[in-house]
Amino acid sequence: MNSNKTALVLGATGLVGKALVRQLLLDPRYDSITILVRRPVPASLFSDPLGKLTPLVIDFEQLQDYQGYFSVNHVYCCLGTTLKQAGSKAAFRKVDFEYIHVAAQLTRAQRADSFVWISSVGANAKSSNFYLRVKGELEDALMRMPQLPNASAVRPSLLLGERNESRPLEAFGQMIAPALGAFMAGPLKKYRPVSATEVAHKMITLQEFDSQ
């Protein structure tokens, strides 16, 4: 039975975000998917024969002004950047911590059923690695946030898939991923490269659905 769920996606044009939106559009449990984006989305990016998708171009610096759009069942946050893309540690933290933290606050304010975001394997607020430290600090902040229902993080390692922008180290990693994966068993299994499609599927499974 269609349970008439609604979803909001932030970061819909990234590697995982695109895979997620495509899966949501095919999921019969969802009637409506709204995506918040920085710039207009080409019609060719998503197949939407049932007219479920509503793209909205917003200013993420003023994310709090769009609180009303968080009045949905499920919020998916796929926001993320790299130090190289961001240009500085402060700019990186703005995207990978501040924007996501604000999104979680708006989710709480609008009483959405659940909030799922992308973290990273190895995330640790005490890590000497800046990237992993920010991811860990965000996890700690969101897990401690009162009255944020069903908050869950997915923690992928190297993401496999075709990106719009060039990331040489990730490209190299994708080339050797099949060989690496074969050796990663037991405790190392969580470090296996994972496809964006798998991460998106995991995000959906973490959401709260009723039993109808």
N, C-alpha and C. Protein backbone atom coordinates (compact mmCIF):
# COMPACT_ATOMS: atom_id res chain seq x y z
N MET A 1 0.84 -1.19 0.00
CA MET A 1 0.00 0.00 0.00
C MET A 1 0.88 1.25 0.00
N ASN A 2 0.48 2.23 -0.76
CA ASN A 2 1.22 3.49 -0.78
C ASN A 2 0.96 4.24 0.52
N SER A 3 2.03 4.56 1.22
CA SER A 3 1.87 5.22 2.51
C SER A 3 1.98 6.74 2.40
N ASN A 4 2.02 7.26 1.16
CA ASN A 4 1.95 8.70 0.93
C ASN A 4 3.00 9.49 1.68
N LYS A 5 4.25 9.07 1.62
CA LYS A 5 5.33 9.77 2.30
C LYS A 5 5.86 10.92 1.44
N THR A 6 6.39 11.92 2.14
CA THR A 6 7.03 13.03 1.46
C THR A 6 8.48 13.11 1.93
N ALA A 7 9.35 13.58 1.03
CA ALA A 7 10.78 13.63 1.36
C ALA A 7 11.37 14.96 0.91
N LEU A 8 12.40 15.38 1.65
CA LEU A 8 13.20 16.54 1.28
C LEU A 8 14.64 16.07 1.16
N VAL A 9 15.31 16.46 0.07
CA VAL A 9 16.70 16.07 -0.15
C VAL A 9 17.56 17.30 -0.32
N LEU A 10 18.64 17.38 0.46
CA LEU A 10 19.65 18.41 0.30
C LEU A 10 20.90 17.75 -0.27
N GLY A 11 21.51 18.39 -1.26
CA GLY A 11 22.67 17.79 -1.90
C GLY A 11 22.28 16.80 -2.99
N ALA A 12 21.19 17.10 -3.68
CA ALA A 12 20.62 16.16 -4.64
C ALA A 12 21.42 16.01 -5.93
N THR A 13 22.35 16.92 -6.18
CA THR A 13 23.10 16.83 -7.44
C THR A 13 24.49 16.21 -7.26
N GLY A 14 24.82 15.80 -6.02
CA GLY A 14 26.08 15.11 -5.78
C GLY A 14 25.98 13.65 -6.15
N LEU A 15 27.09 12.93 -5.94
CA LEU A 15 27.15 11.53 -6.34
C LEU A 15 26.08 10.69 -5.67
N VAL A 16 26.00 10.75 -4.35
CA VAL A 16 24.98 9.98 -3.63
C VAL A 16 23.61 10.62 -3.80
N GLY A 17 23.55 11.94 -3.79
CA GLY A 17 22.28 12.63 -3.91
C GLY A 17 21.53 12.26 -5.18
N LYS A 18 22.23 12.20 -6.29
CA LYS A 18 21.57 11.81 -7.55
C LYS A 18 21.03 10.39 -7.48
N ALA A 19 21.85 9.48 -6.95
CA ALA A 19 21.41 8.09 -6.83
C ALA A 19 20.20 7.99 -5.90
N LEU A 20 20.21 8.78 -4.84
CA LEU A 20 19.11 8.77 -3.88
C LEU A 20 17.82 9.27 -4.51
N VAL A 21 17.87 10.41 -5.17
CA VAL A 21 16.66 10.98 -5.77
C VAL A 21 16.08 10.02 -6.80
N ARG A 22 16.94 9.39 -7.59
CA ARG A 22 16.45 8.44 -8.59
C ARG A 22 15.74 7.26 -7.94
N GLN A 23 16.25 6.80 -6.80
CA GLN A 23 15.59 5.71 -6.09
C GLN A 23 14.27 6.17 -5.46
N LEU A 24 14.26 7.37 -4.92
CA LEU A 24 13.04 7.88 -4.30
C LEU A 24 11.93 8.06 -5.33
N LEU A 25 12.30 8.50 -6.52
CA LEU A 25 11.29 8.70 -7.57
C LEU A 25 10.66 7.39 -8.01
N LEU A 26 11.38 6.28 -7.82
CA LEU A 26 10.87 4.96 -8.19
C LEU A 26 10.18 4.26 -7.01
N ASP A 27 10.29 4.84 -5.82
CA ASP A 27 9.75 4.20 -4.62
C ASP A 27 8.27 4.54 -4.47
N PRO A 28 7.39 3.54 -4.53
CA PRO A 28 5.94 3.81 -4.48
C PRO A 28 5.46 4.35 -3.14
N ARG A 29 6.32 4.29 -2.11
CA ARG A 29 5.91 4.81 -0.81
C ARG A 29 5.95 6.33 -0.76
N TYR A 30 6.61 6.94 -1.75
CA TYR A 30 6.74 8.40 -1.78
C TYR A 30 5.85 9.02 -2.85
N ASP A 31 5.11 10.04 -2.45
CA ASP A 31 4.28 10.79 -3.39
C ASP A 31 4.96 12.07 -3.86
N SER A 32 5.86 12.60 -3.02
CA SER A 32 6.45 13.90 -3.31
C SER A 32 7.90 13.96 -2.82
N ILE A 33 8.79 14.44 -3.68
CA ILE A 33 10.19 14.62 -3.32
C ILE A 33 10.58 16.05 -3.68
N THR A 34 10.97 16.82 -2.68
CA THR A 34 11.45 18.18 -2.90
C THR A 34 12.96 18.20 -2.75
N ILE A 35 13.65 18.86 -3.67
CA ILE A 35 15.10 18.96 -3.56
C ILE A 35 15.51 20.43 -3.49
N LEU A 36 16.39 20.73 -2.56
CA LEU A 36 16.93 22.08 -2.42
C LEU A 36 18.29 22.13 -3.09
N VAL A 37 18.45 23.01 -4.08
CA VAL A 37 19.67 23.04 -4.89
C VAL A 37 20.19 24.46 -5.02
N ARG A 38 21.46 24.58 -5.37
CA ARG A 38 22.09 25.89 -5.52
C ARG A 38 21.76 26.55 -6.85
N ARG A 39 21.55 25.72 -7.86
CA ARG A 39 21.29 26.25 -9.20
C ARG A 39 20.27 25.36 -9.91
N PRO A 40 19.64 25.86 -10.97
CA PRO A 40 18.62 25.07 -11.67
C PRO A 40 19.13 23.70 -12.10
N VAL A 41 18.27 22.71 -11.99
CA VAL A 41 18.62 21.33 -12.34
C VAL A 41 18.13 21.01 -13.74
N PRO A 42 19.01 20.51 -14.62
CA PRO A 42 18.57 20.14 -15.97
C PRO A 42 17.47 19.07 -15.91
N ALA A 43 16.47 19.22 -16.74
CA ALA A 43 15.36 18.27 -16.75
C ALA A 43 15.84 16.84 -17.03
N SER A 44 16.97 16.74 -17.73
CA SER A 44 17.48 15.43 -18.11
C SER A 44 18.15 14.69 -16.95
N LEU A 45 18.38 15.38 -15.83
CA LEU A 45 19.11 14.75 -14.72
C LEU A 45 18.30 13.65 -14.04
N PHE A 46 16.98 13.86 -13.94
CA PHE A 46 16.12 12.88 -13.29
C PHE A 46 14.93 12.53 -14.17
N SER A 47 14.58 11.26 -14.20
CA SER A 47 13.37 10.82 -14.89
C SER A 47 12.22 10.87 -13.90
N ASP A 48 11.20 11.66 -14.21
CA ASP A 48 10.11 11.89 -13.26
C ASP A 48 8.75 11.77 -13.95
N PRO A 49 8.44 10.58 -14.45
CA PRO A 49 7.18 10.42 -15.21
C PRO A 49 5.93 10.64 -14.38
N LEU A 50 6.02 10.46 -13.06
CA LEU A 50 4.84 10.63 -12.21
C LEU A 50 4.72 12.03 -11.63
N GLY A 51 5.66 12.91 -11.97
CA GLY A 51 5.59 14.28 -11.49
C GLY A 51 5.75 14.43 -9.99
N LYS A 52 6.62 13.63 -9.40
CA LYS A 52 6.83 13.67 -7.95
C LYS A 52 7.82 14.76 -7.52
N LEU A 53 8.69 15.18 -8.43
CA LEU A 53 9.85 16.00 -8.06
C LEU A 53 9.57 17.50 -8.11
N THR A 54 10.00 18.19 -7.05
CA THR A 54 9.93 19.65 -7.01
C THR A 54 11.31 20.19 -6.67
N PRO A 55 12.05 20.75 -7.67
CA PRO A 55 13.35 21.35 -7.38
C PRO A 55 13.18 22.81 -6.97
N LEU A 56 13.93 23.22 -5.95
CA LEU A 56 13.88 24.61 -5.50
C LEU A 56 15.29 25.16 -5.39
N VAL A 57 15.56 26.24 -6.09
CA VAL A 57 16.87 26.88 -6.02
C VAL A 57 16.87 27.81 -4.80
N ILE A 58 17.84 27.58 -3.91
CA ILE A 58 17.88 28.37 -2.68
C ILE A 58 19.29 28.89 -2.41
N ASP A 59 19.38 29.75 -1.43
CA ASP A 59 20.66 30.25 -0.93
C ASP A 59 20.95 29.51 0.37
N PHE A 60 21.93 28.61 0.35
CA PHE A 60 22.21 27.82 1.53
C PHE A 60 22.76 28.66 2.69
N GLU A 61 23.25 29.86 2.38
CA GLU A 61 23.67 30.76 3.44
C GLU A 61 22.48 31.23 4.26
N GLN A 62 21.30 31.14 3.67
CA GLN A 62 20.06 31.57 4.34
C GLN A 62 19.11 30.38 4.49
N LEU A 63 19.67 29.22 4.78
CA LEU A 63 18.87 27.99 4.83
C LEU A 63 17.69 28.09 5.80
N GLN A 64 17.88 28.82 6.88
CA GLN A 64 16.80 28.95 7.88
C GLN A 64 15.56 29.61 7.30
N ASP A 65 15.72 30.37 6.21
CA ASP A 65 14.57 31.04 5.60
C ASP A 65 13.64 30.05 4.89
N TYR A 66 14.10 28.81 4.71
CA TYR A 66 13.32 27.82 3.97
C TYR A 66 12.78 26.74 4.90
N GLN A 67 12.57 27.12 6.15
CA GLN A 67 12.15 26.16 7.16
C GLN A 67 10.88 25.41 6.77
N GLY A 68 9.95 26.09 6.14
CA GLY A 68 8.69 25.45 5.79
C GLY A 68 8.83 24.21 4.92
N TYR A 69 9.87 24.15 4.11
CA TYR A 69 10.07 23.00 3.23
C TYR A 69 10.50 21.76 3.99
N PHE A 70 10.85 21.92 5.27
CA PHE A 70 11.24 20.78 6.08
C PHE A 70 10.04 20.10 6.72
N SER A 71 8.86 20.57 6.40
CA SER A 71 7.64 19.96 6.90
C SER A 71 7.27 18.76 6.03
N VAL A 72 8.10 17.73 6.13
CA VAL A 72 7.94 16.50 5.34
C VAL A 72 8.07 15.32 6.30
N ASN A 73 7.90 14.10 5.76
CA ASN A 73 8.12 12.92 6.60
C ASN A 73 9.61 12.66 6.82
N HIS A 74 10.36 12.66 5.73
CA HIS A 74 11.76 12.25 5.81
C HIS A 74 12.69 13.30 5.21
N VAL A 75 13.74 13.63 5.93
CA VAL A 75 14.76 14.55 5.42
C VAL A 75 16.04 13.76 5.16
N TYR A 76 16.56 13.90 3.95
CA TYR A 76 17.81 13.26 3.55
C TYR A 76 18.84 14.35 3.28
N CYS A 77 19.98 14.27 3.95
CA CYS A 77 21.01 15.29 3.74
C CYS A 77 22.26 14.65 3.13
N CYS A 78 22.51 14.99 1.88
CA CYS A 78 23.67 14.46 1.15
C CYS A 78 24.70 15.55 0.89
N LEU A 79 24.65 16.62 1.67
CA LEU A 79 25.59 17.72 1.48
C LEU A 79 27.01 17.28 1.84
N GLY A 80 27.97 17.80 1.11
CA GLY A 80 29.36 17.50 1.40
C GLY A 80 30.27 18.08 0.34
N THR A 81 31.49 18.37 0.73
CA THR A 81 32.46 18.91 -0.22
C THR A 81 33.83 18.34 0.10
N THR A 82 34.86 18.88 -0.48
CA THR A 82 36.23 18.50 -0.17
C THR A 82 37.00 19.77 0.19
N LEU A 83 38.13 19.59 0.83
CA LEU A 83 38.95 20.77 1.16
C LEU A 83 39.37 21.51 -0.10
N LYS A 84 39.69 20.74 -1.13
CA LYS A 84 40.12 21.37 -2.39
C LYS A 84 38.99 22.19 -2.99
N GLN A 85 37.81 21.61 -3.04
CA GLN A 85 36.65 22.32 -3.59
C GLN A 85 36.31 23.55 -2.75
N ALA A 86 36.29 23.36 -1.45
CA ALA A 86 35.90 24.45 -0.56
C ALA A 86 36.91 25.59 -0.56
N GLY A 87 38.18 25.24 -0.64
CA GLY A 87 39.21 26.27 -0.70
C GLY A 87 39.84 26.63 0.63
N SER A 88 39.19 26.25 1.73
CA SER A 88 39.74 26.51 3.05
C SER A 88 39.05 25.61 4.06
N LYS A 89 39.66 25.45 5.23
CA LYS A 89 39.05 24.63 6.28
C LYS A 89 37.74 25.26 6.76
N ALA A 90 37.71 26.58 6.83
CA ALA A 90 36.49 27.26 7.28
C ALA A 90 35.34 27.04 6.31
N ALA A 91 35.64 27.11 5.01
CA ALA A 91 34.61 26.91 3.99
C ALA A 91 34.14 25.46 3.98
N PHE A 92 35.08 24.53 4.19
CA PHE A 92 34.72 23.12 4.27
C PHE A 92 33.78 22.87 5.44
N ARG A 93 34.13 23.43 6.59
CA ARG A 93 33.32 23.22 7.78
C ARG A 93 31.92 23.82 7.62
N LYS A 94 31.83 24.92 6.89
CA LYS A 94 30.53 25.55 6.66
C LYS A 94 29.57 24.58 5.98
N VAL A 95 30.08 23.86 4.97
CA VAL A 95 29.23 22.92 4.23
C VAL A 95 29.02 21.63 5.01
N ASP A 96 30.12 21.05 5.49
CA ASP A 96 30.05 19.70 6.07
C ASP A 96 29.63 19.68 7.54
N PHE A 97 29.58 20.83 8.18
CA PHE A 97 29.08 20.87 9.55
C PHE A 97 27.91 21.85 9.68
N GLU A 98 28.15 23.11 9.36
CA GLU A 98 27.14 24.13 9.65
C GLU A 98 25.84 23.94 8.88
N TYR A 99 25.93 23.73 7.57
CA TYR A 99 24.70 23.57 6.77
C TYR A 99 23.90 22.36 7.25
N ILE A 100 24.60 21.26 7.53
CA ILE A 100 23.91 20.04 7.94
C ILE A 100 23.32 20.21 9.34
N HIS A 101 24.03 20.90 10.19
CA HIS A 101 23.53 21.16 11.54
C HIS A 101 22.27 22.02 11.50
N VAL A 102 22.27 23.03 10.66
CA VAL A 102 21.07 23.88 10.50
C VAL A 102 19.92 23.05 9.94
N ALA A 103 20.21 22.19 8.95
CA ALA A 103 19.17 21.34 8.37
C ALA A 103 18.54 20.44 9.43
N ALA A 104 19.36 19.92 10.33
CA ALA A 104 18.84 19.08 11.40
C ALA A 104 17.96 19.91 12.35
N GLN A 105 18.36 21.13 12.63
CA GLN A 105 17.56 21.99 13.50
C GLN A 105 16.20 22.30 12.86
N LEU A 106 16.20 22.53 11.55
CA LEU A 106 14.94 22.81 10.86
C LEU A 106 14.06 21.57 10.80
N THR A 107 14.70 20.42 10.66
CA THR A 107 13.96 19.15 10.68
C THR A 107 13.25 18.98 12.02
N ARG A 108 13.96 19.29 13.09
CA ARG A 108 13.38 19.21 14.44
C ARG A 108 12.24 20.21 14.59
N ALA A 109 12.48 21.43 14.14
CA ALA A 109 11.47 22.48 14.31
C ALA A 109 10.17 22.15 13.58
N GLN A 110 10.29 21.49 12.43
CA GLN A 110 9.11 21.15 11.63
C GLN A 110 8.56 19.76 11.96
N ARG A 111 9.22 19.10 12.91
CA ARG A 111 8.74 17.80 13.41
C ARG A 111 8.64 16.74 12.32
N ALA A 112 9.64 16.70 11.47
CA ALA A 112 9.72 15.62 10.48
C ALA A 112 9.94 14.30 11.22
N ASP A 113 9.62 13.20 10.56
CA ASP A 113 9.71 11.89 11.22
C ASP A 113 11.15 11.43 11.44
N SER A 114 12.04 11.80 10.53
CA SER A 114 13.41 11.31 10.65
C SER A 114 14.38 12.14 9.82
N PHE A 115 15.66 12.01 10.17
CA PHE A 115 16.73 12.77 9.52
C PHE A 115 17.92 11.82 9.31
N VAL A 116 18.33 11.68 8.06
CA VAL A 116 19.46 10.81 7.72
C VAL A 116 20.49 11.63 6.94
N TRP A 117 21.74 11.50 7.32
CA TRP A 117 22.79 12.24 6.62
C TRP A 117 24.00 11.36 6.36
N ILE A 118 24.91 11.86 5.51
CA ILE A 118 26.11 11.11 5.15
C ILE A 118 27.28 11.58 6.00
N SER A 119 27.88 10.65 6.71
CA SER A 119 29.08 10.93 7.49
C SER A 119 30.25 10.24 6.76
N SER A 120 31.12 9.59 7.49
CA SER A 120 32.26 8.90 6.88
C SER A 120 32.75 7.80 7.80
N VAL A 121 33.21 6.71 7.23
CA VAL A 121 33.88 5.70 8.04
C VAL A 121 35.09 6.36 8.70
N GLY A 122 35.28 6.08 9.97
CA GLY A 122 36.40 6.69 10.69
C GLY A 122 36.10 8.03 11.32
N ALA A 123 34.86 8.51 11.18
CA ALA A 123 34.51 9.81 11.78
C ALA A 123 34.77 9.79 13.28
N ASN A 124 35.46 10.81 13.76
CA ASN A 124 35.83 10.84 15.17
C ASN A 124 36.17 12.27 15.57
N ALA A 125 35.45 12.79 16.53
CA ALA A 125 35.64 14.19 16.94
C ALA A 125 37.04 14.44 17.49
N LYS A 126 37.77 13.40 17.85
CA LYS A 126 39.11 13.55 18.40
C LYS A 126 40.21 13.18 17.39
N SER A 127 39.80 12.95 16.14
CA SER A 127 40.77 12.56 15.12
C SER A 127 41.75 13.69 14.81
N SER A 128 42.97 13.33 14.47
CA SER A 128 43.96 14.32 14.05
C SER A 128 43.74 14.72 12.60
N ASN A 129 42.91 13.94 11.88
CA ASN A 129 42.56 14.25 10.50
C ASN A 129 41.40 15.24 10.49
N PHE A 130 41.59 16.39 9.87
CA PHE A 130 40.57 17.44 9.90
C PHE A 130 39.23 16.97 9.36
N TYR A 131 39.24 16.29 8.23
CA TYR A 131 38.02 15.80 7.59
C TYR A 131 37.25 14.89 8.55
N LEU A 132 37.93 13.90 9.11
CA LEU A 132 37.28 12.94 10.00
C LEU A 132 36.86 13.60 11.31
N ARG A 133 37.62 14.61 11.75
CA ARG A 133 37.26 15.31 12.97
C ARG A 133 35.96 16.09 12.81
N VAL A 134 35.82 16.79 11.69
CA VAL A 134 34.57 17.54 11.42
C VAL A 134 33.39 16.58 11.33
N LYS A 135 33.58 15.47 10.63
CA LYS A 135 32.51 14.49 10.52
C LYS A 135 32.11 13.96 11.90
N GLY A 136 33.11 13.70 12.74
CA GLY A 136 32.84 13.20 14.07
C GLY A 136 32.16 14.23 14.96
N GLU A 137 32.60 15.48 14.86
CA GLU A 137 31.98 16.55 15.64
C GLU A 137 30.51 16.71 15.26
N LEU A 138 30.23 16.58 13.97
CA LEU A 138 28.83 16.69 13.52
C LEU A 138 28.01 15.53 14.07
N GLU A 139 28.54 14.31 13.99
CA GLU A 139 27.81 13.16 14.54
C GLU A 139 27.49 13.38 16.01
N ASP A 140 28.48 13.82 16.77
CA ASP A 140 28.26 14.06 18.20
C ASP A 140 27.18 15.11 18.42
N ALA A 141 27.24 16.19 17.64
CA ALA A 141 26.28 17.29 17.81
C ALA A 141 24.86 16.84 17.48
N LEU A 142 24.70 16.08 16.40
CA LEU A 142 23.35 15.67 16.00
C LEU A 142 22.79 14.58 16.89
N MET A 143 23.65 13.66 17.30
CA MET A 143 23.16 12.58 18.16
C MET A 143 22.76 13.11 19.55
N ARG A 144 23.33 14.25 19.94
CA ARG A 144 22.98 14.84 21.24
C ARG A 144 21.85 15.86 21.13
N MET A 145 21.44 16.17 19.91
CA MET A 145 20.41 17.19 19.73
C MET A 145 19.07 16.69 20.27
N PRO A 146 18.50 17.38 21.26
CA PRO A 146 17.22 16.91 21.83
C PRO A 146 16.08 17.05 20.83
N GLN A 147 15.19 16.08 20.90
CA GLN A 147 13.96 16.09 20.10
C GLN A 147 14.21 16.08 18.59
N LEU A 148 15.35 15.51 18.17
CA LEU A 148 15.57 15.24 16.76
C LEU A 148 15.29 13.76 16.56
N PRO A 149 14.11 13.42 16.02
CA PRO A 149 13.69 12.03 15.98
C PRO A 149 14.44 11.21 14.93
N ASN A 150 14.76 9.98 15.31
CA ASN A 150 15.32 9.02 14.35
C ASN A 150 16.44 9.61 13.50
N ALA A 151 17.43 10.18 14.17
CA ALA A 151 18.59 10.72 13.47
C ALA A 151 19.58 9.59 13.22
N SER A 152 19.98 9.42 11.95
CA SER A 152 20.88 8.32 11.59
C SER A 152 21.92 8.80 10.59
N ALA A 153 23.14 8.29 10.75
CA ALA A 153 24.22 8.62 9.81
C ALA A 153 24.64 7.36 9.06
N VAL A 154 24.93 7.51 7.78
CA VAL A 154 25.57 6.44 7.03
C VAL A 154 27.05 6.81 6.95
N ARG A 155 27.91 5.78 7.03
CA ARG A 155 29.35 6.03 7.12
C ARG A 155 30.10 5.29 6.02
N PRO A 156 30.00 5.79 4.79
CA PRO A 156 30.69 5.10 3.69
C PRO A 156 32.19 5.35 3.71
N SER A 157 32.93 4.48 3.05
CA SER A 157 34.36 4.71 2.83
C SER A 157 34.49 5.37 1.46
N LEU A 158 35.38 4.87 0.62
CA LEU A 158 35.54 5.43 -0.72
C LEU A 158 34.26 5.21 -1.52
N LEU A 159 33.74 6.29 -2.10
CA LEU A 159 32.51 6.20 -2.88
C LEU A 159 32.82 5.90 -4.34
N LEU A 160 32.13 4.92 -4.88
CA LEU A 160 32.30 4.55 -6.28
C LEU A 160 31.16 5.15 -7.10
N GLY A 161 31.50 5.70 -8.26
CA GLY A 161 30.50 6.29 -9.13
C GLY A 161 31.12 7.40 -9.95
N GLU A 162 30.35 7.90 -10.90
CA GLU A 162 30.86 8.92 -11.81
C GLU A 162 30.51 10.31 -11.29
N ARG A 163 31.53 11.09 -10.96
CA ARG A 163 31.32 12.44 -10.46
C ARG A 163 31.39 13.46 -11.59
N ASN A 164 30.76 14.61 -11.35
CA ASN A 164 30.82 15.70 -12.32
C ASN A 164 32.18 16.38 -12.28
N GLU A 165 32.73 16.52 -11.06
CA GLU A 165 34.00 17.21 -10.92
C GLU A 165 35.15 16.21 -10.84
N SER A 166 36.34 16.70 -11.11
CA SER A 166 37.52 15.84 -11.09
C SER A 166 38.05 15.70 -9.66
N ARG A 167 38.26 14.45 -9.25
CA ARG A 167 38.88 14.15 -7.96
C ARG A 167 39.92 13.06 -8.22
N PRO A 168 41.15 13.45 -8.56
CA PRO A 168 42.18 12.49 -8.98
C PRO A 168 42.41 11.35 -8.02
N LEU A 169 42.48 11.63 -6.71
CA LEU A 169 42.73 10.57 -5.75
C LEU A 169 41.58 9.57 -5.71
N GLU A 170 40.35 10.07 -5.81
CA GLU A 170 39.21 9.16 -5.82
C GLU A 170 39.19 8.36 -7.12
N ALA A 171 39.56 8.99 -8.23
CA ALA A 171 39.60 8.27 -9.51
C ALA A 171 40.58 7.11 -9.43
N PHE A 172 41.74 7.37 -8.84
CA PHE A 172 42.74 6.30 -8.68
C PHE A 172 42.19 5.21 -7.77
N GLY A 173 41.53 5.64 -6.69
CA GLY A 173 40.96 4.67 -5.76
C GLY A 173 39.92 3.79 -6.43
N GLN A 174 39.13 4.37 -7.32
CA GLN A 174 38.12 3.58 -8.01
C GLN A 174 38.75 2.55 -8.93
N MET A 175 39.90 2.89 -9.50
CA MET A 175 40.57 1.94 -10.38
C MET A 175 41.06 0.70 -9.63
N ILE A 176 41.55 0.92 -8.41
CA ILE A 176 42.09 -0.20 -7.66
C ILE A 176 41.09 -0.79 -6.67
N ALA A 177 39.87 -0.25 -6.66
CA ALA A 177 38.87 -0.68 -5.70
C ALA A 177 38.57 -2.18 -5.75
N PRO A 178 38.40 -2.79 -6.94
CA PRO A 178 38.10 -4.22 -6.95
C PRO A 178 39.17 -5.06 -6.25
N ALA A 179 40.43 -4.70 -6.45
CA ALA A 179 41.51 -5.44 -5.81
C ALA A 179 41.51 -5.21 -4.30
N LEU A 180 41.27 -3.95 -3.91
CA LEU A 180 41.25 -3.63 -2.48
C LEU A 180 40.13 -4.37 -1.76
N GLY A 181 38.96 -4.38 -2.38
CA GLY A 181 37.80 -4.98 -1.74
C GLY A 181 37.99 -6.46 -1.45
N ALA A 182 38.73 -7.14 -2.30
CA ALA A 182 38.94 -8.57 -2.12
C ALA A 182 39.72 -8.88 -0.85
N PHE A 183 40.53 -7.94 -0.41
CA PHE A 183 41.36 -8.16 0.78
C PHE A 183 40.73 -7.62 2.06
N MET A 184 39.61 -6.92 1.93
CA MET A 184 39.01 -6.29 3.10
C MET A 184 37.89 -7.15 3.65
N ALA A 185 38.24 -7.96 4.64
CA ALA A 185 37.28 -8.85 5.27
C ALA A 185 37.33 -8.61 6.77
N GLY A 186 36.35 -9.17 7.49
CA GLY A 186 36.32 -9.03 8.93
C GLY A 186 36.26 -7.59 9.36
N PRO A 187 37.14 -7.16 10.27
CA PRO A 187 37.13 -5.78 10.78
C PRO A 187 37.38 -4.74 9.69
N LEU A 188 38.02 -5.17 8.60
CA LEU A 188 38.33 -4.23 7.52
C LEU A 188 37.17 -4.05 6.53
N LYS A 189 36.13 -4.85 6.70
CA LYS A 189 35.02 -4.82 5.74
C LYS A 189 34.41 -3.44 5.60
N LYS A 190 34.34 -2.68 6.72
CA LYS A 190 33.70 -1.36 6.67
C LYS A 190 34.48 -0.37 5.82
N TYR A 191 35.75 -0.70 5.50
CA TYR A 191 36.57 0.19 4.69
C TYR A 191 36.50 -0.13 3.19
N ARG A 192 35.71 -1.14 2.84
CA ARG A 192 35.58 -1.49 1.43
C ARG A 192 34.95 -0.33 0.66
N PRO A 193 35.43 -0.07 -0.56
CA PRO A 193 34.77 0.94 -1.40
C PRO A 193 33.30 0.54 -1.61
N VAL A 194 32.43 1.53 -1.68
CA VAL A 194 31.00 1.27 -1.79
C VAL A 194 30.41 2.17 -2.86
N SER A 195 29.42 1.66 -3.59
CA SER A 195 28.81 2.45 -4.65
C SER A 195 27.84 3.47 -4.08
N ALA A 196 27.68 4.57 -4.79
CA ALA A 196 26.73 5.60 -4.38
C ALA A 196 25.32 5.02 -4.30
N THR A 197 25.00 4.10 -5.19
CA THR A 197 23.68 3.47 -5.20
C THR A 197 23.43 2.71 -3.91
N GLU A 198 24.46 2.01 -3.42
CA GLU A 198 24.33 1.27 -2.16
C GLU A 198 24.13 2.21 -0.98
N VAL A 199 24.88 3.31 -0.97
CA VAL A 199 24.75 4.28 0.12
C VAL A 199 23.35 4.89 0.13
N ALA A 200 22.86 5.23 -1.07
CA ALA A 200 21.51 5.80 -1.17
C ALA A 200 20.47 4.81 -0.66
N HIS A 201 20.61 3.56 -1.03
CA HIS A 201 19.67 2.53 -0.57
C HIS A 201 19.70 2.40 0.94
N LYS A 202 20.91 2.45 1.51
CA LYS A 202 21.05 2.36 2.97
C LYS A 202 20.35 3.54 3.64
N MET A 203 20.46 4.73 3.07
CA MET A 203 19.80 5.90 3.64
C MET A 203 18.29 5.70 3.70
N ILE A 204 17.73 5.13 2.66
CA ILE A 204 16.28 4.91 2.62
C ILE A 204 15.87 3.88 3.68
N THR A 205 16.67 2.84 3.84
CA THR A 205 16.32 1.80 4.82
C THR A 205 16.39 2.32 6.25
N LEU A 206 17.13 3.39 6.49
CA LEU A 206 17.25 3.96 7.83
C LEU A 206 16.08 4.85 8.21
N GLN A 207 15.26 5.21 7.23
CA GLN A 207 14.12 6.06 7.52
C GLN A 207 13.00 5.27 8.19
N GLU A 208 12.15 6.01 8.87
CA GLU A 208 11.04 5.38 9.60
C GLU A 208 9.81 5.29 8.70
N PHE A 209 9.36 4.07 8.48
CA PHE A 209 8.12 3.84 7.74
C PHE A 209 7.14 3.13 8.65
N ASP A 210 5.86 3.48 8.49
CA ASP A 210 4.87 2.75 9.29
C ASP A 210 4.66 1.37 8.66
N SER A 211 3.92 0.56 9.31
CA SER A 211 3.77 -0.84 8.87
C SER A 211 2.65 -1.05 7.89
N GLN A 212 1.99 0.04 7.47
CA GLN A 212 0.87 -0.10 6.54
C GLN A 212 1.38 -0.42 5.15
